[in-house]
């Protein structure tokens, strides 16, 4: 089965091998999130000046605000790393033994992430001294999340078909 066909949420699934390949597209989607997360963390670590400027801008009002901004930036970096590790674990589980609940969980998280990303310009406009995320970055993030969502939909179809084929074989 071709990889493109496995990733296609509308492709017919007739064999157990096709169902397994389609089910694994959910894991591929999770691994895409891992790669994006790693790129974000590495970029942040390689560009401390950008973070320092954002902290300085957010803490322009007082030393206490600057300290809170520094702490928030550090916590954000640690949380990003924790999320990448969690995604790796979920991705490996999903690859070895695809689960519906993992695909659904990540579909919900992706939709919430896309809504949050789309609202970024609005939220930045409401809070003074908030750094503005470039439009290209917002568009790219949403495009990646759409691809991930499509892969999870294909994965969920594959998981359902795989379960159906295995149940029919057990009877």
C-alpha atoms as a PDB file:
ATOM      1  CA  UNK A   1       0.000   0.000   0.000  1.00  0.00           C
ATOM      2  CA  UNK A   2       1.374   3.398  -0.905  1.00  0.00           C
ATOM      3  CA  UNK A   3       2.032   5.847   1.895  1.00  0.00           C
ATOM      4  CA  UNK A   4      -0.112   8.505   0.219  1.00  0.00           C
ATOM      5  CA  UNK A   5      -3.036   6.101   0.026  1.00  0.00           C
ATOM      6  CA  UNK A   6      -2.602   5.191   3.703  1.00  0.00           C
ATOM      7  CA  UNK A   7      -2.708   8.893   4.635  1.00  0.00           C
ATOM      8  CA  UNK A   8      -5.826   9.511   2.537  1.00  0.00           C
ATOM      9  CA  UNK A   9      -8.868   9.571   4.853  1.00  0.00           C
ATOM     10  CA  UNK A  10     -11.183   8.727   1.930  1.00  0.00           C
ATOM     11  CA  UNK A  11      -9.247   5.776   0.466  1.00  0.00           C
ATOM     12  CA  UNK A  12     -10.972   2.406   0.681  1.00  0.00           C
ATOM     13  CA  UNK A  13      -9.455   0.007   3.199  1.00  0.00           C
ATOM     14  CA  UNK A  14      -9.911  -3.638   2.247  1.00  0.00           C
ATOM     15  CA  UNK A  15      -7.078  -5.579   3.854  1.00  0.00           C
ATOM     16  CA  UNK A  16      -5.570  -5.797   7.312  1.00  0.00           C
ATOM     17  CA  UNK A  17      -2.256  -4.436   5.983  1.00  0.00           C
ATOM     18  CA  UNK A  18      -4.046  -1.402   4.523  1.00  0.00           C
ATOM     19  CA  UNK A  19      -5.913  -0.874   7.795  1.00  0.00           C
ATOM     20  CA  UNK A  20      -2.686  -1.070   9.795  1.00  0.00           C
ATOM     21  CA  UNK A  21      -0.944   1.374   7.465  1.00  0.00           C
ATOM     22  CA  UNK A  22      -3.857   3.800   7.723  1.00  0.00           C
ATOM     23  CA  UNK A  23      -3.962   3.400  11.512  1.00  0.00           C
ATOM     24  CA  UNK A  24      -0.290   4.298  11.725  1.00  0.00           C
ATOM     25  CA  UNK A  25      -0.925   7.622  10.010  1.00  0.00           C
ATOM     26  CA  UNK A  26      -2.113   8.804  13.429  1.00  0.00           C
ATOM     27  CA  UNK A  27       1.351   8.027  14.831  1.00  0.00           C
ATOM     28  CA  UNK A  28       2.955   9.862  11.902  1.00  0.00           C
ATOM     29  CA  UNK A  29       0.853  12.893  12.794  1.00  0.00           C
ATOM     30  CA  UNK A  30       2.105  12.749  16.369  1.00  0.00           C
ATOM     31  CA  UNK A  31       5.710  12.482  15.168  1.00  0.00           C
ATOM     32  CA  UNK A  32       5.168  15.569  12.988  1.00  0.00           C
ATOM     33  CA  UNK A  33       4.215  17.361  16.209  1.00  0.00           C
ATOM     34  CA  UNK A  34       7.422  16.080  17.813  1.00  0.00           C
ATOM     35  CA  UNK A  35       9.526  17.476  14.964  1.00  0.00           C
ATOM     36  CA  UNK A  36       7.731  20.840  15.127  1.00  0.00           C
ATOM     37  CA  UNK A  37       8.231  20.948  18.903  1.00  0.00           C
ATOM     38  CA  UNK A  38      11.928  20.143  18.643  1.00  0.00           C
ATOM     39  CA  UNK A  39      12.400  22.806  15.966  1.00  0.00           C
ATOM     40  CA  UNK A  40      10.667  25.350  18.214  1.00  0.00           C
ATOM     41  CA  UNK A  41      12.796  24.475  21.231  1.00  0.00           C
ATOM     42  CA  UNK A  42      16.048  24.505  19.261  1.00  0.00           C
ATOM     43  CA  UNK A  43      15.137  27.825  17.615  1.00  0.00           C
ATOM     44  CA  UNK A  44      14.381  29.314  21.033  1.00  0.00           C
ATOM     45  CA  UNK A  45      17.681  28.087  22.466  1.00  0.00           C
ATOM     46  CA  UNK A  46      19.613  29.342  19.435  1.00  0.00           C
ATOM     47  CA  UNK A  47      17.977  32.808  19.540  1.00  0.00           C
ATOM     48  CA  UNK A  48      18.087  33.964  23.161  1.00  0.00           C
ATOM     49  CA  UNK A  49      18.088  37.594  22.015  1.00  0.00           C
ATOM     50  CA  UNK A  50      14.527  37.273  20.732  1.00  0.00           C
ATOM     51  CA  UNK A  51      13.372  35.877  24.072  1.00  0.00           C
ATOM     52  CA  UNK A  52      15.336  38.531  25.973  1.00  0.00           C
ATOM     53  CA  UNK A  53      13.694  41.256  23.866  1.00  0.00           C
ATOM     54  CA  UNK A  54      10.239  39.800  24.492  1.00  0.00           C
ATOM     55  CA  UNK A  55      10.950  39.578  28.227  1.00  0.00           C
ATOM     56  CA  UNK A  56      12.239  43.158  28.251  1.00  0.00           C
ATOM     57  CA  UNK A  57       9.157  44.347  26.367  1.00  0.00           C
ATOM     58  CA  UNK A  58       6.805  42.466  28.705  1.00  0.00           C
ATOM     59  CA  UNK A  59       8.695  43.683  31.783  1.00  0.00           C
ATOM     60  CA  UNK A  60       8.986  47.309  30.722  1.00  0.00           C
ATOM     61  CA  UNK A  61       6.631  48.418  33.477  1.00  0.00           C
ATOM     62  CA  UNK A  62       8.497  47.096  36.530  1.00  0.00           C
ATOM     63  CA  UNK A  63      11.259  44.808  37.724  1.00  0.00           C
ATOM     64  CA  UNK A  64       8.614  42.461  39.116  1.00  0.00           C
ATOM     65  CA  UNK A  65       6.943  42.216  35.688  1.00  0.00           C
ATOM     66  CA  UNK A  66      10.347  41.498  34.117  1.00  0.00           C
ATOM     67  CA  UNK A  67      11.027  38.729  36.651  1.00  0.00           C
ATOM     68  CA  UNK A  68       7.618  37.210  35.984  1.00  0.00           C
ATOM     69  CA  UNK A  69       8.236  37.361  32.225  1.00  0.00           C
ATOM     70  CA  UNK A  70      11.637  35.650  32.611  1.00  0.00           C
ATOM     71  CA  UNK A  71      10.109  32.938  34.779  1.00  0.00           C
ATOM     72  CA  UNK A  72       7.255  32.494  32.319  1.00  0.00           C
ATOM     73  CA  UNK A  73       9.657  32.168  29.390  1.00  0.00           C
ATOM     74  CA  UNK A  74      11.741  29.565  31.257  1.00  0.00           C
ATOM     75  CA  UNK A  75       8.644  27.617  32.312  1.00  0.00           C
ATOM     76  CA  UNK A  76       7.352  27.738  28.737  1.00  0.00           C
ATOM     77  CA  UNK A  77      10.580  26.223  27.483  1.00  0.00           C
ATOM     78  CA  UNK A  78      10.466  23.437  30.077  1.00  0.00           C
ATOM     79  CA  UNK A  79       6.813  22.720  29.319  1.00  0.00           C
ATOM     80  CA  UNK A  80       7.567  22.580  25.595  1.00  0.00           C
ATOM     81  CA  UNK A  81      10.254  19.983  26.283  1.00  0.00           C
ATOM     82  CA  UNK A  82       7.893  17.991  28.496  1.00  0.00           C
ATOM     83  CA  UNK A  83       5.222  18.058  25.782  1.00  0.00           C
ATOM     84  CA  UNK A  84       7.713  16.818  23.177  1.00  0.00           C
ATOM     85  CA  UNK A  85       8.676  13.887  25.419  1.00  0.00           C
ATOM     86  CA  UNK A  86       4.995  13.080  26.041  1.00  0.00           C
ATOM     87  CA  UNK A  87       4.316  13.185  22.284  1.00  0.00           C
ATOM     88  CA  UNK A  88       7.189  10.769  21.652  1.00  0.00           C
ATOM     89  CA  UNK A  89       5.674   8.335  24.164  1.00  0.00           C
ATOM     90  CA  UNK A  90       2.193   8.639  22.644  1.00  0.00           C
ATOM     91  CA  UNK A  91       3.635   8.337  19.131  1.00  0.00           C
ATOM     92  CA  UNK A  92       5.470   5.103  19.948  1.00  0.00           C
ATOM     93  CA  UNK A  93       2.350   3.654  21.598  1.00  0.00           C
ATOM     94  CA  UNK A  94       0.238   4.684  18.609  1.00  0.00           C
ATOM     95  CA  UNK A  95       2.717   3.133  16.181  1.00  0.00           C
ATOM     96  CA  UNK A  96       2.955  -0.199  18.000  1.00  0.00           C
ATOM     97  CA  UNK A  97      -0.704  -0.590  18.954  1.00  0.00           C
ATOM     98  CA  UNK A  98      -2.989   2.118  17.558  1.00  0.00           C
ATOM     99  CA  UNK A  99      -5.653   3.299  19.983  1.00  0.00           C
ATOM    100  CA  UNK A 100      -8.822   5.244  19.178  1.00  0.00           C
ATOM    101  CA  UNK A 101      -8.597   7.349  22.318  1.00  0.00           C
ATOM    102  CA  UNK A 102      -5.097   8.578  21.447  1.00  0.00           C
ATOM    103  CA  UNK A 103      -6.212   9.634  17.951  1.00  0.00           C
ATOM    104  CA  UNK A 104      -9.281  11.386  19.369  1.00  0.00           C
ATOM    105  CA  UNK A 105      -7.247  13.075  22.128  1.00  0.00           C
ATOM    106  CA  UNK A 106      -4.780  14.462  19.618  1.00  0.00           C
ATOM    107  CA  UNK A 107      -7.576  15.526  17.263  1.00  0.00           C
ATOM    108  CA  UNK A 108      -9.119  17.563  20.088  1.00  0.00           C
ATOM    109  CA  UNK A 109      -5.729  19.024  21.050  1.00  0.00           C
ATOM    110  CA  UNK A 110      -5.002  19.956  17.428  1.00  0.00           C
ATOM    111  CA  UNK A 111      -8.362  21.697  17.006  1.00  0.00           C
ATOM    112  CA  UNK A 112      -7.811  23.620  20.261  1.00  0.00           C
ATOM    113  CA  UNK A 113      -4.264  24.469  19.148  1.00  0.00           C
ATOM    114  CA  UNK A 114      -5.481  25.726  15.780  1.00  0.00           C
ATOM    115  CA  UNK A 115      -8.146  27.898  17.421  1.00  0.00           C
ATOM    116  CA  UNK A 116      -5.592  29.246  19.892  1.00  0.00           C
ATOM    117  CA  UNK A 117      -3.097  29.946  17.117  1.00  0.00           C
ATOM    118  CA  UNK A 118      -5.724  31.680  14.997  1.00  0.00           C
ATOM    119  CA  UNK A 119      -6.653  33.862  17.994  1.00  0.00           C
ATOM    120  CA  UNK A 120      -3.031  34.877  18.641  1.00  0.00           C
ATOM    121  CA  UNK A 121      -3.253  38.269  16.873  1.00  0.00           C
ATOM    122  CA  UNK A 122      -6.451  39.109  18.757  1.00  0.00           C
ATOM    123  CA  UNK A 123      -4.957  38.136  22.112  1.00  0.00           C
ATOM    124  CA  UNK A 124      -1.771  40.098  21.423  1.00  0.00           C
ATOM    125  CA  UNK A 125      -3.863  43.162  20.670  1.00  0.00           C
ATOM    126  CA  UNK A 126      -5.686  42.886  23.995  1.00  0.00           C
ATOM    127  CA  UNK A 127      -2.587  42.678  26.182  1.00  0.00           C
ATOM    128  CA  UNK A 128      -0.169  45.599  26.249  1.00  0.00           C
ATOM    129  CA  UNK A 129       3.538  44.919  25.611  1.00  0.00           C
ATOM    130  CA  UNK A 130       2.824  41.459  24.180  1.00  0.00           C
ATOM    131  CA  UNK A 131       5.192  40.416  21.384  1.00  0.00           C
ATOM    132  CA  UNK A 132       3.396  39.912  18.071  1.00  0.00           C
ATOM    133  CA  UNK A 133       3.680  36.561  16.312  1.00  0.00           C
ATOM    134  CA  UNK A 134       4.435  36.980  12.594  1.00  0.00           C
ATOM    135  CA  UNK A 135       1.519  36.159  10.273  1.00  0.00           C
ATOM    136  CA  UNK A 136       3.597  33.661   8.277  1.00  0.00           C
ATOM    137  CA  UNK A 137       4.253  31.702  11.466  1.00  0.00           C
ATOM    138  CA  UNK A 138       0.549  31.601  12.331  1.00  0.00           C
ATOM    139  CA  UNK A 139      -0.391  30.450   8.810  1.00  0.00           C
ATOM    140  CA  UNK A 140       2.351  27.800   8.760  1.00  0.00           C
ATOM    141  CA  UNK A 141       1.305  26.500  12.183  1.00  0.00           C
ATOM    142  CA  UNK A 142      -2.338  26.215  11.156  1.00  0.00           C
ATOM    143  CA  UNK A 143      -1.381  24.477   7.882  1.00  0.00           C
ATOM    144  CA  UNK A 144       0.694  21.915   9.789  1.00  0.00           C
ATOM    145  CA  UNK A 145      -2.175  21.334  12.214  1.00  0.00           C
ATOM    146  CA  UNK A 146      -4.586  20.771   9.308  1.00  0.00           C
ATOM    147  CA  UNK A 147      -2.241  18.117   7.894  1.00  0.00           C
ATOM    148  CA  UNK A 148      -1.983  16.521  11.328  1.00  0.00           C
ATOM    149  CA  UNK A 149      -5.770  16.526  11.704  1.00  0.00           C
ATOM    150  CA  UNK A 150      -6.202  14.840   8.303  1.00  0.00           C
ATOM    151  CA  UNK A 151      -3.660  12.178   9.306  1.00  0.00           C
ATOM    152  CA  UNK A 152      -5.501  11.522  12.584  1.00  0.00           C
ATOM    153  CA  UNK A 153      -8.788  11.182  10.712  1.00  0.00           C
ATOM    154  CA  UNK A 154      -7.145   8.640   8.378  1.00  0.00           C
ATOM    155  CA  UNK A 155      -5.658   6.932  11.427  1.00  0.00           C
ATOM    156  CA  UNK A 156      -8.988   6.710  13.187  1.00  0.00           C
ATOM    157  CA  UNK A 157     -10.564   5.201  10.060  1.00  0.00           C
ATOM    158  CA  UNK A 158      -7.704   2.702   9.892  1.00  0.00           C
ATOM    159  CA  UNK A 159      -8.039   1.805  13.574  1.00  0.00           C
ATOM    160  CA  UNK A 160     -11.781   1.233  13.202  1.00  0.00           C
ATOM    161  CA  UNK A 161     -11.301  -0.895  10.077  1.00  0.00           C
ATOM    162  CA  UNK A 162      -8.442  -2.846  11.693  1.00  0.00           C
ATOM    163  CA  UNK A 163     -10.655  -3.661  14.684  1.00  0.00           C
ATOM    164  CA  UNK A 164     -13.465  -4.717  12.351  1.00  0.00           C
ATOM    165  CA  UNK A 165     -11.203  -6.976  10.283  1.00  0.00           C
ATOM    166  CA  UNK A 166      -9.696  -8.544  13.428  1.00  0.00           C
ATOM    167  CA  UNK A 167     -13.170  -9.128  14.941  1.00  0.00           C
ATOM    168  CA  UNK A 168     -14.394 -10.760  11.724  1.00  0.00           C
ATOM    169  CA  UNK A 169     -11.310 -12.998  11.677  1.00  0.00           C
ATOM    170  CA  UNK A 170     -11.877 -14.008  15.312  1.00  0.00           C
ATOM    171  CA  UNK A 171     -15.421 -15.182  14.577  1.00  0.00           C
END
